[in-house]
PDB file of all heavy atoms in Angstrom:
ATOM      1  N   LEU A   1       8.285 -15.816  -5.613  1.00  0.00           N
ATOM      2  CA  LEU A   1       7.538 -16.758  -6.446  1.00  0.00           C
ATOM      3  C   LEU A   1       7.834 -18.207  -6.088  1.00  0.00           C
ATOM      4  O   LEU A   1       7.081 -19.102  -6.466  1.00  0.00           O
ATOM      5  CB  LEU A   1       7.831 -16.501  -7.931  1.00  0.00           C
ATOM      6  CG  LEU A   1       7.360 -15.147  -8.454  1.00  0.00           C
ATOM      7  CD1 LEU A   1       7.740 -14.979  -9.916  1.00  0.00           C
ATOM      8  CD2 LEU A   1       5.863 -14.957  -8.261  1.00  0.00           C
ATOM      9  N   SER A   2       8.900 -18.451  -5.328  1.00  0.00           N
ATOM     10  CA  SER A   2       9.204 -19.803  -4.846  1.00  0.00           C
ATOM     11  C   SER A   2       8.231 -20.237  -3.758  1.00  0.00           C
ATOM     12  O   SER A   2       8.120 -21.426  -3.467  1.00  0.00           O
ATOM     13  CB  SER A   2      10.618 -19.859  -4.259  1.00  0.00           C
ATOM     14  OG  SER A   2      11.569 -19.492  -5.203  1.00  0.00           O
ATOM     15  N   PHE A   3       7.534 -19.279  -3.142  1.00  0.00           N
ATOM     16  CA  PHE A   3       6.704 -19.576  -1.979  1.00  0.00           C
ATOM     17  C   PHE A   3       5.213 -19.403  -2.214  1.00  0.00           C
ATOM     18  O   PHE A   3       4.419 -19.747  -1.338  1.00  0.00           O
ATOM     19  CB  PHE A   3       7.136 -18.703  -0.794  1.00  0.00           C
ATOM     20  CG  PHE A   3       8.600 -18.826  -0.487  1.00  0.00           C
ATOM     21  CD1 PHE A   3       9.445 -17.759  -0.668  1.00  0.00           C
ATOM     22  CD2 PHE A   3       9.127 -20.027  -0.061  1.00  0.00           C
ATOM     23  CE1 PHE A   3      10.801 -17.876  -0.405  1.00  0.00           C
ATOM     24  CE2 PHE A   3      10.479 -20.164   0.202  1.00  0.00           C
ATOM     25  CZ  PHE A   3      11.319 -19.081   0.034  1.00  0.00           C
ATOM     26  N   ILE A   4       4.822 -18.832  -3.334  1.00  0.00           N
ATOM     27  CA  ILE A   4       3.396 -18.647  -3.624  1.00  0.00           C
ATOM     28  C   ILE A   4       3.059 -19.324  -4.946  1.00  0.00           C
ATOM     29  O   ILE A   4       3.885 -19.375  -5.857  1.00  0.00           O
ATOM     30  CB  ILE A   4       2.994 -17.151  -3.652  1.00  0.00           C
ATOM     31  CG1 ILE A   4       3.722 -16.383  -4.756  1.00  0.00           C
ATOM     32  CG2 ILE A   4       3.204 -16.503  -2.283  1.00  0.00           C
ATOM     33  CD1 ILE A   4       3.256 -14.939  -4.939  1.00  0.00           C
ATOM     34  N   PRO A   5       1.842 -19.838  -5.064  1.00  0.00           N
ATOM     35  CA  PRO A   5       1.458 -20.480  -6.320  1.00  0.00           C
ATOM     36  C   PRO A   5       1.060 -19.483  -7.414  1.00  0.00           C
ATOM     37  O   PRO A   5       1.032 -19.827  -8.590  1.00  0.00           O
ATOM     38  CB  PRO A   5       0.267 -21.353  -5.922  1.00  0.00           C
ATOM     39  CG  PRO A   5      -0.303 -20.689  -4.712  1.00  0.00           C
ATOM     40  CD  PRO A   5       0.859 -20.034  -4.003  1.00  0.00           C
ATOM     41  N   GLN A   6       0.778 -18.238  -7.048  1.00  0.00           N
ATOM     42  CA  GLN A   6       0.355 -17.237  -8.022  1.00  0.00           C
ATOM     43  C   GLN A   6       1.539 -16.851  -8.915  1.00  0.00           C
ATOM     44  O   GLN A   6       2.688 -16.921  -8.503  1.00  0.00           O
ATOM     45  CB  GLN A   6      -0.187 -15.985  -7.329  1.00  0.00           C
ATOM     46  CG  GLN A   6      -1.461 -16.192  -6.567  1.00  0.00           C
ATOM     47  CD  GLN A   6      -1.253 -16.797  -5.182  1.00  0.00           C
ATOM     48  OE1 GLN A   6      -0.149 -16.976  -4.707  1.00  0.00           O
ATOM     49  NE2 GLN A   6      -2.361 -17.133  -4.523  1.00  0.00           N
ATOM     50  N   ARG A   7       1.200 -16.407 -10.114  1.00  0.00           N
ATOM     51  CA  ARG A   7       2.199 -15.982 -11.080  1.00  0.00           C
ATOM     52  C   ARG A   7       1.768 -14.654 -11.691  1.00  0.00           C
ATOM     53  O   ARG A   7       0.581 -14.327 -11.718  1.00  0.00           O
ATOM     54  CB  ARG A   7       2.361 -17.024 -12.199  1.00  0.00           C
ATOM     55  CG  ARG A   7       2.976 -18.338 -11.702  1.00  0.00           C
ATOM     56  CD  ARG A   7       4.430 -18.102 -11.279  1.00  0.00           C
ATOM     57  NE  ARG A   7       5.052 -19.229 -10.654  1.00  0.00           N
ATOM     58  CZ  ARG A   7       5.286 -19.344  -9.340  1.00  0.00           C
ATOM     59  NH1 ARG A   7       4.903 -18.412  -8.515  1.00  0.00           N
ATOM     60  NH2 ARG A   7       5.889 -20.388  -8.849  1.00  0.00           N
ATOM     61  N   PRO A   8       2.752 -13.862 -12.175  1.00  0.00           N
ATOM     62  CA  PRO A   8       2.397 -12.606 -12.842  1.00  0.00           C
ATOM     63  C   PRO A   8       1.404 -12.877 -13.961  1.00  0.00           C
ATOM     64  O   PRO A   8       1.504 -13.917 -14.603  1.00  0.00           O
ATOM     65  CB  PRO A   8       3.729 -12.109 -13.394  1.00  0.00           C
ATOM     66  CG  PRO A   8       4.771 -12.763 -12.533  1.00  0.00           C
ATOM     67  CD  PRO A   8       4.181 -14.103 -12.156  1.00  0.00           C
ATOM     68  N   PRO A   9       0.457 -12.003 -14.142  1.00  0.00           N
ATOM     69  CA  PRO A   9       0.321 -10.670 -13.558  1.00  0.00           C
ATOM     70  C   PRO A   9      -0.491 -10.646 -12.272  1.00  0.00           C
ATOM     71  O   PRO A   9      -0.929  -9.593 -11.835  1.00  0.00           O
ATOM     72  CB  PRO A   9      -0.402  -9.894 -14.651  1.00  0.00           C
ATOM     73  CG  PRO A   9      -1.328 -10.914 -15.246  1.00  0.00           C
ATOM     74  CD  PRO A   9      -0.535 -12.211 -15.204  1.00  0.00           C
ATOM     75  N   PHE A  10      -0.686 -11.797 -11.618  1.00  0.00           N
ATOM     76  CA  PHE A  10      -1.553 -11.840 -10.439  1.00  0.00           C
ATOM     77  C   PHE A  10      -0.762 -12.041  -9.149  1.00  0.00           C
ATOM     78  O   PHE A  10      -1.170 -12.775  -8.260  1.00  0.00           O
ATOM     79  CB  PHE A  10      -2.616 -12.934 -10.602  1.00  0.00           C
ATOM     80  CG  PHE A  10      -3.862 -12.639  -9.832  1.00  0.00           C
ATOM     81  CD1 PHE A  10      -4.737 -11.647 -10.247  1.00  0.00           C
ATOM     82  CD2 PHE A  10      -4.153 -13.332  -8.680  1.00  0.00           C
ATOM     83  CE1 PHE A  10      -5.877 -11.352  -9.517  1.00  0.00           C
ATOM     84  CE2 PHE A  10      -5.298 -13.051  -7.943  1.00  0.00           C
ATOM     85  CZ  PHE A  10      -6.164 -12.067  -8.359  1.00  0.00           C
ATOM     86  N   VAL A  11       0.372 -11.375  -9.038  1.00  0.00           N
ATOM     87  CA  VAL A  11       1.166 -11.414  -7.814  1.00  0.00           C
ATOM     88  C   VAL A  11       0.894 -10.117  -7.047  1.00  0.00           C
ATOM     89  O   VAL A  11       1.128  -9.027  -7.563  1.00  0.00           O
ATOM     90  CB  VAL A  11       2.671 -11.587  -8.117  1.00  0.00           C
ATOM     91  CG1 VAL A  11       3.498 -11.487  -6.852  1.00  0.00           C
ATOM     92  CG2 VAL A  11       2.899 -12.927  -8.807  1.00  0.00           C
ATOM     93  N   MET A  12       0.394 -10.260  -5.819  1.00  0.00           N
ATOM     94  CA  MET A  12      -0.023  -9.101  -5.016  1.00  0.00           C
ATOM     95  C   MET A  12       0.776  -8.992  -3.722  1.00  0.00           C
ATOM     96  O   MET A  12       0.319  -8.398  -2.753  1.00  0.00           O
ATOM     97  CB  MET A  12      -1.515  -9.204  -4.665  1.00  0.00           C
ATOM     98  CG  MET A  12      -2.443  -9.368  -5.825  1.00  0.00           C
ATOM     99  SD  MET A  12      -2.491  -7.926  -6.867  1.00  0.00           S
ATOM    100  CE  MET A  12      -2.882  -8.694  -8.428  1.00  0.00           C
ATOM    101  N   THR A  13       1.951  -9.594  -3.690  1.00  0.00           N
ATOM    102  CA  THR A  13       2.826  -9.479  -2.531  1.00  0.00           C
ATOM    103  C   THR A  13       4.253  -9.375  -3.027  1.00  0.00           C
ATOM    104  O   THR A  13       4.551  -9.748  -4.162  1.00  0.00           O
ATOM    105  CB  THR A  13       2.631 -10.638  -1.534  1.00  0.00           C
ATOM    106  OG1 THR A  13       3.327 -10.344  -0.331  1.00  0.00           O
ATOM    107  CG2 THR A  13       3.107 -11.960  -2.094  1.00  0.00           C
ATOM    108  N   GLY A  14       5.127  -8.840  -2.186  1.00  0.00           N
ATOM    109  CA  GLY A  14       6.501  -8.609  -2.611  1.00  0.00           C
ATOM    110  C   GLY A  14       7.504  -9.333  -1.751  1.00  0.00           C
ATOM    111  O   GLY A  14       7.789 -10.498  -1.963  1.00  0.00           O
ATOM    112  N   GLU A  15       7.984  -8.677  -0.737  1.00  0.00           N
ATOM    113  CA  GLU A  15       9.045  -9.230   0.104  1.00  0.00           C
ATOM    114  C   GLU A  15       8.474  -9.906   1.345  1.00  0.00           C
ATOM    115  O   GLU A  15       7.607  -9.352   2.022  1.00  0.00           O
ATOM    116  CB  GLU A  15       9.996  -8.109   0.522  1.00  0.00           C
ATOM    117  CG  GLU A  15      11.185  -8.597   1.307  1.00  0.00           C
ATOM    118  CD  GLU A  15      12.149  -7.481   1.667  1.00  0.00           C
ATOM    119  OE1 GLU A  15      11.886  -6.309   1.331  1.00  0.00           O
ATOM    120  OE2 GLU A  15      13.163  -7.790   2.298  1.00  0.00           O
ATOM    121  N   LEU A  16       8.972 -11.098   1.634  1.00  0.00           N
ATOM    122  CA  LEU A  16       8.594 -11.815   2.840  1.00  0.00           C
ATOM    123  C   LEU A  16       9.535 -11.375   3.953  1.00  0.00           C
ATOM    124  O   LEU A  16      10.732 -11.641   3.913  1.00  0.00           O
ATOM    125  CB  LEU A  16       8.703 -13.326   2.610  1.00  0.00           C
ATOM    126  CG  LEU A  16       8.353 -14.250   3.765  1.00  0.00           C
ATOM    127  CD1 LEU A  16       6.915 -14.056   4.215  1.00  0.00           C
ATOM    128  CD2 LEU A  16       8.591 -15.695   3.355  1.00  0.00           C
ATOM    129  N   LEU A  17       8.997 -10.653   4.940  1.00  0.00           N
ATOM    130  CA  LEU A  17       9.816 -10.149   6.035  1.00  0.00           C
ATOM    131  C   LEU A  17       9.989 -11.169   7.143  1.00  0.00           C
ATOM    132  O   LEU A  17      11.043 -11.253   7.765  1.00  0.00           O
ATOM    133  CB  LEU A  17       9.202  -8.880   6.633  1.00  0.00           C
ATOM    134  CG  LEU A  17       9.073  -7.668   5.735  1.00  0.00           C
ATOM    135  CD1 LEU A  17       8.473  -6.506   6.511  1.00  0.00           C
ATOM    136  CD2 LEU A  17      10.407  -7.286   5.135  1.00  0.00           C
ATOM    137  N   SER A  18       8.922 -11.930   7.417  1.00  0.00           N
ATOM    138  CA  SER A  18       8.944 -12.860   8.530  1.00  0.00           C
ATOM    139  C   SER A  18       7.908 -13.946   8.308  1.00  0.00           C
ATOM    140  O   SER A  18       6.814 -13.667   7.818  1.00  0.00           O
ATOM    141  CB  SER A  18       8.638 -12.099   9.826  1.00  0.00           C
ATOM    142  OG  SER A  18       8.505 -12.973  10.910  1.00  0.00           O
ATOM    143  N   ALA A  19       8.261 -15.176   8.699  1.00  0.00           N
ATOM    144  CA  ALA A  19       7.312 -16.284   8.645  1.00  0.00           C
ATOM    145  C   ALA A  19       7.598 -17.212   9.819  1.00  0.00           C
ATOM    146  O   ALA A  19       8.631 -17.871   9.852  1.00  0.00           O
ATOM    147  CB  ALA A  19       7.420 -17.034   7.320  1.00  0.00           C
ATOM    148  N   THR A  20       6.676 -17.208  10.798  1.00  0.00           N
ATOM    149  CA  THR A  20       6.782 -18.107  11.939  1.00  0.00           C
ATOM    150  C   THR A  20       5.630 -19.105  11.855  1.00  0.00           C
ATOM    151  O   THR A  20       4.850 -19.079  10.897  1.00  0.00           O
ATOM    152  CB  THR A  20       6.709 -17.330  13.267  1.00  0.00           C
ATOM    153  OG1 THR A  20       5.398 -16.772  13.412  1.00  0.00           O
ATOM    154  CG2 THR A  20       7.761 -16.221  13.323  1.00  0.00           C
ATOM    155  N   ASP A  21       5.488 -19.941  12.867  1.00  0.00           N
ATOM    156  CA  ASP A  21       4.383 -20.901  12.858  1.00  0.00           C
ATOM    157  C   ASP A  21       3.025 -20.212  12.841  1.00  0.00           C
ATOM    158  O   ASP A  21       2.076 -20.738  12.299  1.00  0.00           O
ATOM    159  CB  ASP A  21       4.464 -21.816  14.081  1.00  0.00           C
ATOM    160  CG  ASP A  21       5.559 -22.858  13.946  1.00  0.00           C
ATOM    161  OD1 ASP A  21       6.015 -23.113  12.811  1.00  0.00           O
ATOM    162  OD2 ASP A  21       5.966 -23.416  14.986  1.00  0.00           O
ATOM    163  N   GLN A  22       2.936 -19.025  13.423  1.00  0.00           N
ATOM    164  CA  GLN A  22       1.641 -18.353  13.544  1.00  0.00           C
ATOM    165  C   GLN A  22       1.499 -17.102  12.693  1.00  0.00           C
ATOM    166  O   GLN A  22       0.405 -16.789  12.250  1.00  0.00           O
ATOM    167  CB  GLN A  22       1.388 -17.956  15.007  1.00  0.00           C
ATOM    168  CG  GLN A  22       1.223 -19.120  15.955  1.00  0.00           C
ATOM    169  CD  GLN A  22      -0.001 -19.949  15.672  1.00  0.00           C
ATOM    170  OE1 GLN A  22       0.136 -21.073  15.221  1.00  0.00           O
ATOM    171  NE2 GLN A  22      -1.162 -19.420  15.906  1.00  0.00           N
ATOM    172  N   VAL A  23       2.585 -16.337  12.492  1.00  0.00           N
ATOM    173  CA  VAL A  23       2.487 -15.006  11.886  1.00  0.00           C
ATOM    174  C   VAL A  23       3.384 -14.884  10.662  1.00  0.00           C
ATOM    175  O   VAL A  23       4.546 -15.287  10.696  1.00  0.00           O
ATOM    176  CB  VAL A  23       2.869 -13.912  12.914  1.00  0.00           C
ATOM    177  CG1 VAL A  23       2.787 -12.523  12.299  1.00  0.00           C
ATOM    178  CG2 VAL A  23       1.981 -13.995  14.148  1.00  0.00           C
ATOM    179  N   THR A  24       2.837 -14.317   9.592  1.00  0.00           N
ATOM    180  CA  THR A  24       3.593 -14.014   8.380  1.00  0.00           C
ATOM    181  C   THR A  24       3.454 -12.525   8.095  1.00  0.00           C
ATOM    182  O   THR A  24       2.353 -11.982   8.165  1.00  0.00           O
ATOM    183  CB  THR A  24       3.080 -14.822   7.177  1.00  0.00           C
ATOM    184  OG1 THR A  24       3.173 -16.212   7.484  1.00  0.00           O
ATOM    185  CG2 THR A  24       3.867 -14.520   5.913  1.00  0.00           C
ATOM    186  N   ILE A  25       4.586 -11.891   7.745  1.00  0.00           N
ATOM    187  CA  ILE A  25       4.582 -10.463   7.431  1.00  0.00           C
ATOM    188  C   ILE A  25       5.256 -10.261   6.075  1.00  0.00           C
ATOM    189  O   ILE A  25       6.355 -10.779   5.841  1.00  0.00           O
ATOM    190  CB  ILE A  25       5.311  -9.639   8.513  1.00  0.00           C
ATOM    191  CG1 ILE A  25       4.643  -9.840   9.876  1.00  0.00           C
ATOM    192  CG2 ILE A  25       5.339  -8.161   8.137  1.00  0.00           C
ATOM    193  CD1 ILE A  25       5.401  -9.235  11.039  1.00  0.00           C
ATOM    194  N   THR A  26       4.586  -9.519   5.199  1.00  0.00           N
ATOM    195  CA  THR A  26       5.135  -9.191   3.887  1.00  0.00           C
ATOM    196  C   THR A  26       5.045  -7.686   3.658  1.00  0.00           C
ATOM    197  O   THR A  26       4.314  -6.978   4.352  1.00  0.00           O
ATOM    198  CB  THR A  26       4.365  -9.888   2.739  1.00  0.00           C
ATOM    199  OG1 THR A  26       3.014  -9.406   2.720  1.00  0.00           O
ATOM    200  CG2 THR A  26       4.387 -11.396   2.874  1.00  0.00           C
ATOM    201  N   THR A  27       5.774  -7.233   2.649  1.00  0.00           N
ATOM    202  CA  THR A  27       5.598  -5.872   2.143  1.00  0.00           C
ATOM    203  C   THR A  27       5.297  -5.965   0.660  1.00  0.00           C
ATOM    204  O   THR A  27       5.588  -6.971   0.008  1.00  0.00           O
ATOM    205  CB  THR A  27       6.841  -4.989   2.358  1.00  0.00           C
ATOM    206  OG1 THR A  27       7.943  -5.563   1.652  1.00  0.00           O
ATOM    207  CG2 THR A  27       7.164  -4.833   3.826  1.00  0.00           C
ATOM    208  N   TYR A  28       4.712  -4.900   0.148  1.00  0.00           N
ATOM    209  CA  TYR A  28       4.372  -4.849  -1.271  1.00  0.00           C
ATOM    210  C   TYR A  28       4.263  -3.399  -1.703  1.00  0.00           C
ATOM    211  O   TYR A  28       3.546  -2.612  -1.069  1.00  0.00           O
ATOM    212  CB  TYR A  28       3.045  -5.566  -1.532  1.00  0.00           C
ATOM    213  CG  TYR A  28       2.620  -5.568  -2.972  1.00  0.00           C
ATOM    214  CD1 TYR A  28       3.411  -6.147  -3.956  1.00  0.00           C
ATOM    215  CD2 TYR A  28       1.429  -4.968  -3.356  1.00  0.00           C
ATOM    216  CE1 TYR A  28       3.023  -6.134  -5.278  1.00  0.00           C
ATOM    217  CE2 TYR A  28       1.030  -4.966  -4.683  1.00  0.00           C
ATOM    218  CZ  TYR A  28       1.840  -5.550  -5.637  1.00  0.00           C
ATOM    219  OH  TYR A  28       1.457  -5.539  -6.953  1.00  0.00           O
ATOM    220  N   VAL A  29       4.973  -3.046  -2.770  1.00  0.00           N
ATOM    221  CA  VAL A  29       4.860  -1.710  -3.368  1.00  0.00           C
ATOM    222  C   VAL A  29       3.927  -1.826  -4.558  1.00  0.00           C
ATOM    223  O   VAL A  29       4.174  -2.626  -5.475  1.00  0.00           O
ATOM    224  CB  VAL A  29       6.239  -1.156  -3.782  1.00  0.00           C
ATOM    225  CG1 VAL A  29       6.072   0.201  -4.455  1.00  0.00           C
ATOM    226  CG2 VAL A  29       7.165  -1.057  -2.573  1.00  0.00           C
ATOM    227  N   ILE A  30       2.870  -1.047  -4.556  1.00  0.00           N
ATOM    228  CA  ILE A  30       1.832  -1.143  -5.588  1.00  0.00           C
ATOM    229  C   ILE A  30       2.332  -0.534  -6.891  1.00  0.00           C
ATOM    230  O   ILE A  30       2.667   0.647  -6.941  1.00  0.00           O
ATOM    231  CB  ILE A  30       0.543  -0.446  -5.126  1.00  0.00           C
ATOM    232  CG1 ILE A  30       0.052  -1.069  -3.816  1.00  0.00           C
ATOM    233  CG2 ILE A  30      -0.533  -0.519  -6.208  1.00  0.00           C
ATOM    234  CD1 ILE A  30      -0.990  -0.238  -3.106  1.00  0.00           C
ATOM    235  N   ALA A  31       2.351  -1.349  -7.935  1.00  0.00           N
ATOM    236  CA  ALA A  31       2.779  -0.901  -9.263  1.00  0.00           C
ATOM    237  C   ALA A  31       1.570  -0.409 -10.061  1.00  0.00           C
ATOM    238  O   ALA A  31       0.469  -0.947  -9.926  1.00  0.00           O
ATOM    239  CB  ALA A  31       3.458  -2.047 -10.010  1.00  0.00           C
ATOM    240  N   LYS A  32       1.794   0.596 -10.893  1.00  0.00           N
ATOM    241  CA  LYS A  32       0.674   1.116 -11.692  1.00  0.00           C
ATOM    242  C   LYS A  32       0.158   0.074 -12.674  1.00  0.00           C
ATOM    243  O   LYS A  32      -0.995   0.122 -13.083  1.00  0.00           O
ATOM    244  CB  LYS A  32       1.063   2.405 -12.410  1.00  0.00           C
ATOM    245  CG  LYS A  32       2.089   2.249 -13.485  1.00  0.00           C
ATOM    246  CD  LYS A  32       2.373   3.581 -14.159  1.00  0.00           C
ATOM    247  CE  LYS A  32       3.432   3.395 -15.239  1.00  0.00           C
ATOM    248  NZ  LYS A  32       3.708   4.617 -15.945  1.00  0.00           N
ATOM    249  N   GLU A  33       0.987  -0.915 -13.025  1.00  0.00           N
ATOM    250  CA  GLU A  33       0.584  -1.968 -13.963  1.00  0.00           C
ATOM    251  C   GLU A  33      -0.235  -3.072 -13.307  1.00  0.00           C
ATOM    252  O   GLU A  33      -0.745  -3.963 -13.986  1.00  0.00           O
ATOM    253  CB  GLU A  33       1.821  -2.614 -14.616  1.00  0.00           C
ATOM    254  CG  GLU A  33       2.690  -1.662 -15.396  1.00  0.00           C
ATOM    255  CD  GLU A  33       3.689  -0.901 -14.516  1.00  0.00           C
ATOM    256  OE1 GLU A  33       3.941  -1.303 -13.352  1.00  0.00           O
ATOM    257  OE2 GLU A  33       4.200   0.125 -14.980  1.00  0.00           O
ATOM    258  N   ASN A  34      -0.361  -3.049 -11.998  1.00  0.00           N
ATOM    259  CA  ASN A  34      -1.085  -4.095 -11.285  1.00  0.00           C
ATOM    260  C   ASN A  34      -2.512  -4.180 -11.808  1.00  0.00           C
ATOM    261  O   ASN A  34      -3.195  -3.160 -11.933  1.00  0.00           O
ATOM    262  CB  ASN A  34      -1.076  -3.788  -9.781  1.00  0.00           C
ATOM    263  CG  ASN A  34      -1.701  -4.885  -8.967  1.00  0.00           C
ATOM    264  OD1 ASN A  34      -2.883  -5.177  -9.103  1.00  0.00           O
ATOM    265  ND2 ASN A  34      -0.914  -5.485  -8.104  1.00  0.00           N
ATOM    266  N   ILE A  35      -2.973  -5.405 -12.073  1.00  0.00           N
ATOM    267  CA  ILE A  35      -4.305  -5.569 -12.667  1.00  0.00           C
ATOM    268  C   ILE A  35      -5.444  -5.251 -11.699  1.00  0.00           C
ATOM    269  O   ILE A  35      -6.585  -5.110 -12.128  1.00  0.00           O
ATOM    270  CB  ILE A  35      -4.499  -6.972 -13.277  1.00  0.00           C
ATOM    271  CG1 ILE A  35      -4.388  -8.063 -12.209  1.00  0.00           C
ATOM    272  CG2 ILE A  35      -3.507  -7.219 -14.392  1.00  0.00           C
ATOM    273  CD1 ILE A  35      -4.741  -9.438 -12.718  1.00  0.00           C
ATOM    274  N   LEU A  36      -5.140  -5.107 -10.419  1.00  0.00           N
ATOM    275  CA  LEU A  36      -6.170  -4.730  -9.453  1.00  0.00           C
ATOM    276  C   LEU A  36      -6.057  -3.271  -9.024  1.00  0.00           C
ATOM    277  O   LEU A  36      -6.612  -2.866  -8.010  1.00  0.00           O
ATOM    278  CB  LEU A  36      -6.143  -5.677  -8.248  1.00  0.00           C
ATOM    279  CG  LEU A  36      -6.519  -7.131  -8.581  1.00  0.00           C
ATOM    280  CD1 LEU A  36      -6.462  -8.007  -7.345  1.00  0.00           C
ATOM    281  CD2 LEU A  36      -7.887  -7.211  -9.243  1.00  0.00           C
ATOM    282  N   VAL A  37      -5.363  -2.473  -9.839  1.00  0.00           N
ATOM    283  CA  VAL A  37      -5.325  -1.024  -9.670  1.00  0.00           C
ATOM    284  C   VAL A  37      -6.359  -0.424 -10.618  1.00  0.00           C
ATOM    285  O   VAL A  37      -6.431  -0.798 -11.788  1.00  0.00           O
ATOM    286  CB  VAL A  37      -3.913  -0.456  -9.971  1.00  0.00           C
ATOM    287  CG1 VAL A  37      -3.955   1.057 -10.137  1.00  0.00           C
ATOM    288  CG2 VAL A  37      -2.936  -0.852  -8.875  1.00  0.00           C
ATOM    289  N   ASP A  38      -7.161   0.476 -10.094  1.00  0.00           N
ATOM    290  CA  ASP A  38      -8.168   1.152 -10.908  1.00  0.00           C
ATOM    291  C   ASP A  38      -8.090   2.649 -10.617  1.00  0.00           C
ATOM    292  O   ASP A  38      -8.276   3.071  -9.469  1.00  0.00           O
ATOM    293  CB  ASP A  38      -9.563   0.614 -10.572  1.00  0.00           C
ATOM    294  CG  ASP A  38     -10.646   1.201 -11.459  1.00  0.00           C
ATOM    295  OD1 ASP A  38     -10.351   1.628 -12.592  1.00  0.00           O
ATOM    296  OD2 ASP A  38     -11.813   1.233 -11.010  1.00  0.00           O
TER     297      ASP A  38
END
């Protein structure tokens, strides 16, 4: 949350694995409470 402007319940990313000048890689485990789960 220090790196993204979004706040719960609208956070759709989890761990930042890598951030270079060109490429960013994240992981995210989908929670059943996520508002974009149907």
